[in-house]
Amino acid sequence: MMNNELFPGSRVMNPARPDWGAGQVQSVVGNRVTVNFENAGKMMVHVDHVTLEPIDRDPE
């Protein structure tokens, strides 16, 4: 997921840490994205090093 596709309210997963569960983007500042994950709480993710995957709201 590209940084410009991330915005507050986006639902994402960190494929490297599936144990964190689903997360909701809280803020995006440059390459730093703050995400509130179900099982890990609020985490700052550097998107230069981590690829966040979007979670479809309406899976088909």
Protein backbone atom coordinates (compact mmCIF):
# COMPACT_ATOMS: atom_id res chain seq x y z
CA MET A 1 0.00 0.00 0.00
CA MET A 2 1.44 3.33 -1.02
CA ASN A 3 1.77 6.08 1.56
CA ASN A 4 -0.55 8.35 -0.46
CA GLU A 5 -3.27 5.67 -0.19
CA LEU A 6 -3.18 5.78 3.60
CA PHE A 7 -5.45 8.21 5.42
CA PRO A 8 -7.05 8.39 8.86
CA GLY A 9 -9.80 5.83 9.09
CA SER A 10 -8.20 3.36 6.64
CA ARG A 11 -8.29 -0.23 7.86
CA VAL A 12 -5.03 -2.12 7.42
CA MET A 13 -3.04 -5.17 8.48
CA ASN A 14 0.70 -5.61 8.94
CA PRO A 15 1.40 -8.89 7.11
CA ALA A 16 4.68 -9.27 9.01
CA ARG A 17 2.74 -9.17 12.32
CA PRO A 18 -0.65 -10.85 11.80
CA ASP A 19 -0.88 -11.32 15.57
CA TRP A 20 -1.44 -7.56 15.87
CA GLY A 21 -4.83 -8.01 14.20
CA ALA A 22 -6.66 -5.44 12.11
CA GLY A 23 -5.76 -1.81 12.57
CA GLN A 24 -7.18 1.60 11.86
CA VAL A 25 -4.92 4.42 10.66
CA GLN A 26 -4.94 7.30 13.13
CA SER A 27 -2.52 9.69 11.38
CA VAL A 28 -0.06 9.93 8.50
CA VAL A 29 2.96 12.22 8.77
CA GLY A 30 5.51 11.73 6.02
CA ASN A 31 6.65 8.10 6.12
CA ARG A 32 5.27 7.54 9.64
CA VAL A 33 1.81 6.10 10.06
CA THR A 34 0.18 5.69 13.46
CA VAL A 35 -2.14 2.70 13.54
CA ASN A 36 -4.34 1.46 16.37
CA PHE A 37 -4.20 -2.36 16.12
CA GLU A 38 -6.76 -4.65 17.78
CA ASN A 39 -4.21 -6.75 19.67
CA ALA A 40 -1.17 -4.47 19.87
CA GLY A 41 -2.62 -1.05 20.54
CA LYS A 42 -1.29 2.13 18.99
CA MET A 43 1.88 1.59 16.96
CA MET A 44 3.94 3.91 14.77
CA VAL A 45 4.87 2.21 11.51
CA HIS A 46 7.54 3.48 9.12
CA VAL A 47 6.15 2.69 5.69
CA ASP A 48 9.67 2.80 4.21
CA HIS A 49 10.25 -0.52 6.02
CA VAL A 50 6.77 -2.02 6.45
CA THR A 51 4.10 -2.58 3.81
CA LEU A 52 0.62 -2.23 5.26
CA GLU A 53 -2.12 -4.16 3.47
CA PRO A 54 -5.58 -2.67 3.13
CA ILE A 55 -8.57 -4.47 4.57
CA ASP A 56 -11.60 -4.37 2.30
CA ARG A 57 -14.64 -2.98 4.05
CA ASP A 58 -16.99 -4.78 1.65
CA PRO A 59 -15.39 -8.06 0.58
CA GLU A 60 -16.83 -9.51 -2.62
